[in-house]
Amino acid sequence: MEITTEMIKKLRETTGVGIMDSREALKQVNGDFDKAVIYLREKGLAKAAKKAERVAKDGVIGSYIHHNNRVAVLVEVNSETDFVARTPDFGALAQSLAMHIAMATPRYLRPEDIPADVLEAERANYRKEAESTGKPANVIDKIVDGKLAKFYDDVCLLRQPYVRDDKVRVNDLITQAIAKLGENIVIRRFVRFEIGEE
């Protein structure tokens, strides 16, 4: 199948990759647009996995203040170089993350950051609930594990569904940015303020 300029342009607009990568993806899948998108996504994820080992010590602090001035967020997002940190895409990512934090109210960055006493209290509550159903022990364990996974999704930033597209988790958003910008990107820390909150 002939790869046309229109096909390349459409794939570029959809995925954000360069002309050469778009052309190569279309060649690899004989012009099938949907397969080309999947091909590029897999290639980008593989690149992102390789870059995840690299040190990210530059970056920006993204901020967001809600229109009613009752919620504000600061988030430190790191990249490997200041060159990438100064790009509009990186700035937009930091801004989007700050807005997400304002709306989704995560308490921790990742599950490993949850204090042991908080985790044990949640686990004990879920076990007590599950035991009241009278189900067998192996089923209770699965119920507790499922509820803990849901708890992680609710309170850990990297596991939360992104507020602008709930099919994408925040961690996936970071992975996509790594693939697009070509450097490791890390959310280092965040703080969320709300009027009247302790």
Foldseek 3Di string as FASTA:
>chain_A
DDDDPVLLVVLCVVQVDDSVLSVVLCVVVVNDSVSSNVVLLVVLLVLLVVQQPDDFDAADWAKDADPVRFKIKIWTKTWNDVVLRPDPVRNVLNPQLRVQCRVLVADAAAPVPDDPVVLVVLLVVQLVVLVVVVDDPVVSVVSSVVVVLVVRCRHHQQNDQRPVGSVAGNVNVQSSVCSNSVHHMDTDDMDMGGPPDD
